[in-house]
């Protein structure tokens, strides 16, 4: 076996393993459209992200949710 063939052998093994995984996926049955999966995930994580982002937005602007008063010190 030449050096070039020796270097190509790991690549051939990887390609063969990837083809096998693709074959298994195709044979596993019907797929779910990506838009359906992404819509479900977006709905699942929308509320927690809004709860996390809202207070941060107030902190970044220097305002609080309680009364909207500016917390920054004036110079």
N, C-alpha and C. Protein backbone atom coordinates (compact mmCIF):
# COMPACT_ATOMS: atom_id res chain seq x y z
N UNK A 1 0.86 -1.17 0.00
CA UNK A 1 0.00 0.00 0.00
C UNK A 1 0.90 1.24 0.00
N UNK A 2 0.58 2.19 -0.86
CA UNK A 2 1.37 3.41 -0.96
C UNK A 2 0.98 4.37 0.16
N UNK A 3 1.79 5.39 0.33
CA UNK A 3 1.49 6.41 1.35
C UNK A 3 0.17 7.09 1.05
N UNK A 4 -0.09 7.37 -0.21
CA UNK A 4 -1.33 8.02 -0.58
C UNK A 4 -2.53 7.13 -0.23
N UNK A 5 -2.44 5.87 -0.52
CA UNK A 5 -3.52 4.94 -0.18
C UNK A 5 -3.71 4.84 1.33
N UNK A 6 -2.61 4.87 2.07
CA UNK A 6 -2.69 4.82 3.53
C UNK A 6 -3.39 6.06 4.08
N UNK A 7 -3.14 7.21 3.46
CA UNK A 7 -3.78 8.45 3.92
C UNK A 7 -5.26 8.47 3.56
N UNK A 8 -5.63 7.83 2.46
CA UNK A 8 -7.02 7.82 2.02
C UNK A 8 -7.88 6.83 2.80
N UNK A 9 -7.27 5.84 3.39
CA UNK A 9 -8.02 4.78 4.07
C UNK A 9 -8.92 5.31 5.21
N UNK A 10 -8.44 6.18 6.12
CA UNK A 10 -9.33 6.71 7.16
C UNK A 10 -10.51 7.49 6.57
N UNK A 11 -10.26 8.21 5.48
CA UNK A 11 -11.34 8.96 4.83
C UNK A 11 -12.38 8.00 4.27
N UNK A 12 -11.93 6.94 3.63
CA UNK A 12 -12.86 5.93 3.10
C UNK A 12 -13.70 5.33 4.22
N UNK A 13 -13.08 5.07 5.34
CA UNK A 13 -13.81 4.50 6.48
C UNK A 13 -14.86 5.49 6.98
N UNK A 14 -14.52 6.77 7.07
CA UNK A 14 -15.47 7.78 7.52
C UNK A 14 -16.65 7.90 6.54
N UNK A 15 -16.32 7.94 5.25
CA UNK A 15 -17.37 8.05 4.23
C UNK A 15 -18.29 6.83 4.30
N UNK A 16 -17.71 5.65 4.48
CA UNK A 16 -18.52 4.43 4.60
C UNK A 16 -19.43 4.48 5.81
N UNK A 17 -18.91 4.95 6.93
CA UNK A 17 -19.72 5.05 8.15
C UNK A 17 -20.84 6.08 7.98
N UNK A 18 -20.54 7.21 7.34
CA UNK A 18 -21.57 8.22 7.09
C UNK A 18 -22.66 7.69 6.17
N UNK A 19 -22.27 6.95 5.14
CA UNK A 19 -23.26 6.37 4.23
C UNK A 19 -24.16 5.38 4.98
N UNK A 20 -23.58 4.63 5.87
CA UNK A 20 -24.37 3.68 6.66
C UNK A 20 -25.37 4.41 7.55
N UNK A 21 -24.94 5.50 8.18
CA UNK A 21 -25.85 6.28 9.02
C UNK A 21 -26.97 6.91 8.19
N UNK A 22 -26.64 7.38 7.01
CA UNK A 22 -27.67 7.94 6.12
C UNK A 22 -28.67 6.86 5.73
N UNK A 23 -28.17 5.69 5.40
CA UNK A 23 -29.05 4.58 5.04
C UNK A 23 -30.00 4.23 6.17
N UNK A 24 -29.47 4.17 7.39
CA UNK A 24 -30.30 3.89 8.56
C UNK A 24 -31.38 4.95 8.73
N UNK A 25 -31.02 6.21 8.53
CA UNK A 25 -31.99 7.29 8.66
C UNK A 25 -33.10 7.20 7.64
N UNK A 26 -32.72 6.89 6.41
CA UNK A 26 -33.72 6.77 5.34
C UNK A 26 -34.66 5.62 5.63
N UNK A 27 -34.12 4.53 6.13
CA UNK A 27 -34.93 3.34 6.40
C UNK A 27 -35.73 3.44 7.70
N UNK A 28 -35.49 4.45 8.51
CA UNK A 28 -36.15 4.55 9.82
C UNK A 28 -37.60 4.99 9.73
N UNK A 29 -38.03 5.46 8.59
CA UNK A 29 -39.43 5.84 8.45
C UNK A 29 -39.58 7.28 8.01
N UNK A 30 -40.82 7.74 8.09
CA UNK A 30 -41.15 9.09 7.65
C UNK A 30 -40.45 10.13 8.52
N UNK A 31 -40.07 11.20 7.86
CA UNK A 31 -39.42 12.29 8.60
C UNK A 31 -40.45 13.35 8.99
N UNK A 32 -40.05 14.20 9.91
CA UNK A 32 -40.89 15.32 10.34
C UNK A 32 -40.33 16.57 9.66
N UNK A 33 -41.19 17.37 9.05
CA UNK A 33 -40.69 18.59 8.40
C UNK A 33 -39.96 19.48 9.41
N UNK A 34 -38.86 20.06 8.97
CA UNK A 34 -38.06 20.93 9.85
C UNK A 34 -38.89 22.08 10.39
N UNK A 35 -39.77 22.65 9.58
CA UNK A 35 -40.57 23.79 10.04
C UNK A 35 -41.45 23.38 11.23
N UNK A 36 -41.95 22.16 11.21
CA UNK A 36 -42.78 21.68 12.33
C UNK A 36 -41.96 21.56 13.61
N UNK A 37 -40.78 21.01 13.49
CA UNK A 37 -39.89 20.86 14.65
C UNK A 37 -39.47 22.22 15.18
N UNK A 38 -39.08 23.12 14.28
CA UNK A 38 -38.63 24.44 14.71
C UNK A 38 -39.75 25.26 15.33
N UNK A 39 -40.97 25.15 14.78
CA UNK A 39 -42.12 25.85 15.38
C UNK A 39 -42.36 25.37 16.80
N UNK A 40 -42.27 24.06 16.99
CA UNK A 40 -42.49 23.49 18.33
C UNK A 40 -41.43 23.98 19.30
N UNK A 41 -40.18 23.97 18.87
CA UNK A 41 -39.09 24.42 19.74
C UNK A 41 -39.20 25.92 20.04
N UNK A 42 -39.56 26.69 19.03
CA UNK A 42 -39.71 28.13 19.24
C UNK A 42 -40.81 28.42 20.27
N UNK A 43 -41.92 27.71 20.16
CA UNK A 43 -43.01 27.90 21.11
C UNK A 43 -42.59 27.46 22.51
N UNK A 44 -41.83 26.40 22.58
CA UNK A 44 -41.40 25.87 23.88
C UNK A 44 -40.47 26.84 24.60
N UNK A 45 -39.58 27.47 23.86
CA UNK A 45 -38.56 28.31 24.49
C UNK A 45 -38.87 29.80 24.42
N UNK A 46 -39.95 30.21 23.78
CA UNK A 46 -40.29 31.63 23.67
C UNK A 46 -40.54 32.25 25.04
N UNK A 47 -41.39 31.63 25.85
CA UNK A 47 -41.74 32.20 27.15
C UNK A 47 -40.53 32.33 28.07
N UNK A 48 -39.73 31.27 28.25
CA UNK A 48 -38.56 31.45 29.14
C UNK A 48 -37.60 32.53 28.65
N UNK A 49 -37.41 32.64 27.33
CA UNK A 49 -36.50 33.66 26.81
C UNK A 49 -37.06 35.06 27.05
N UNK A 50 -38.37 35.23 26.89
CA UNK A 50 -38.96 36.55 27.15
C UNK A 50 -38.80 36.92 28.61
N UNK A 51 -38.94 35.95 29.50
CA UNK A 51 -38.79 36.21 30.92
C UNK A 51 -37.35 36.59 31.25
N UNK A 52 -36.41 36.01 30.53
CA UNK A 52 -35.01 36.30 30.76
C UNK A 52 -34.61 37.64 30.15
N UNK A 53 -35.09 37.93 28.97
CA UNK A 53 -34.68 39.13 28.25
C UNK A 53 -35.32 40.39 28.80
N UNK A 54 -36.60 40.35 29.20
CA UNK A 54 -37.29 41.56 29.68
C UNK A 54 -36.55 42.28 30.80
N UNK A 55 -36.17 41.60 31.87
CA UNK A 55 -35.45 42.30 32.94
C UNK A 55 -34.10 42.85 32.47
N UNK A 56 -33.44 42.11 31.59
CA UNK A 56 -32.15 42.57 31.09
C UNK A 56 -32.29 43.85 30.27
N UNK A 57 -33.35 43.94 29.49
CA UNK A 57 -33.58 45.14 28.69
C UNK A 57 -33.77 46.35 29.60
N UNK A 58 -34.48 46.16 30.71
CA UNK A 58 -34.67 47.24 31.66
C UNK A 58 -33.37 47.66 32.30
N UNK A 59 -32.54 46.69 32.64
CA UNK A 59 -31.25 47.00 33.26
C UNK A 59 -30.34 47.75 32.30
N UNK A 60 -30.38 47.37 31.05
CA UNK A 60 -29.52 48.01 30.07
C UNK A 60 -29.93 49.45 29.81
N UNK A 61 -31.23 49.73 29.93
CA UNK A 61 -31.69 51.09 29.69
C UNK A 61 -31.62 51.93 30.96
N UNK A 62 -31.38 51.28 32.11
CA UNK A 62 -31.33 51.99 33.37
C UNK A 62 -32.69 52.16 34.00
N UNK A 63 -33.68 51.50 33.45
CA UNK A 63 -35.04 51.61 33.99
C UNK A 63 -35.45 50.29 34.63
N UNK A 64 -36.36 50.38 35.58
CA UNK A 64 -36.87 49.19 36.26
C UNK A 64 -38.29 48.93 35.81
N UNK A 65 -38.77 47.72 36.06
CA UNK A 65 -40.14 47.38 35.71
C UNK A 65 -41.12 47.97 36.72
N UNK A 66 -40.66 48.25 37.95
CA UNK A 66 -41.57 48.71 39.00
C UNK A 66 -42.19 50.07 38.69
N UNK A 67 -41.38 51.00 38.27
CA UNK A 67 -41.95 52.32 38.06
C UNK A 67 -41.34 53.03 36.88
N UNK A 68 -40.43 52.39 36.23
CA UNK A 68 -39.82 53.01 35.08
C UNK A 68 -38.86 54.13 35.44
N UNK A 69 -38.46 54.22 36.70
CA UNK A 69 -37.56 55.30 37.12
C UNK A 69 -36.13 54.97 36.70
N UNK A 70 -35.43 55.99 36.37
CA UNK A 70 -34.05 55.84 35.95
C UNK A 70 -33.18 55.53 37.15
N UNK A 71 -32.41 54.43 37.08
CA UNK A 71 -31.56 54.03 38.19
C UNK A 71 -30.15 54.54 38.03
N UNK A 72 -29.84 55.09 36.88
CA UNK A 72 -28.48 55.58 36.66
C UNK A 72 -28.26 56.86 37.46
N UNK A 73 -27.06 57.03 37.89
CA UNK A 73 -26.72 58.26 38.64
C UNK A 73 -26.44 59.38 37.65
N UNK A 74 -26.96 60.54 37.95
CA UNK A 74 -26.66 61.67 37.08
C UNK A 74 -25.35 62.30 37.51
N UNK A 75 -24.57 62.75 36.53
CA UNK A 75 -23.25 63.33 36.84
C UNK A 75 -23.32 64.82 36.89
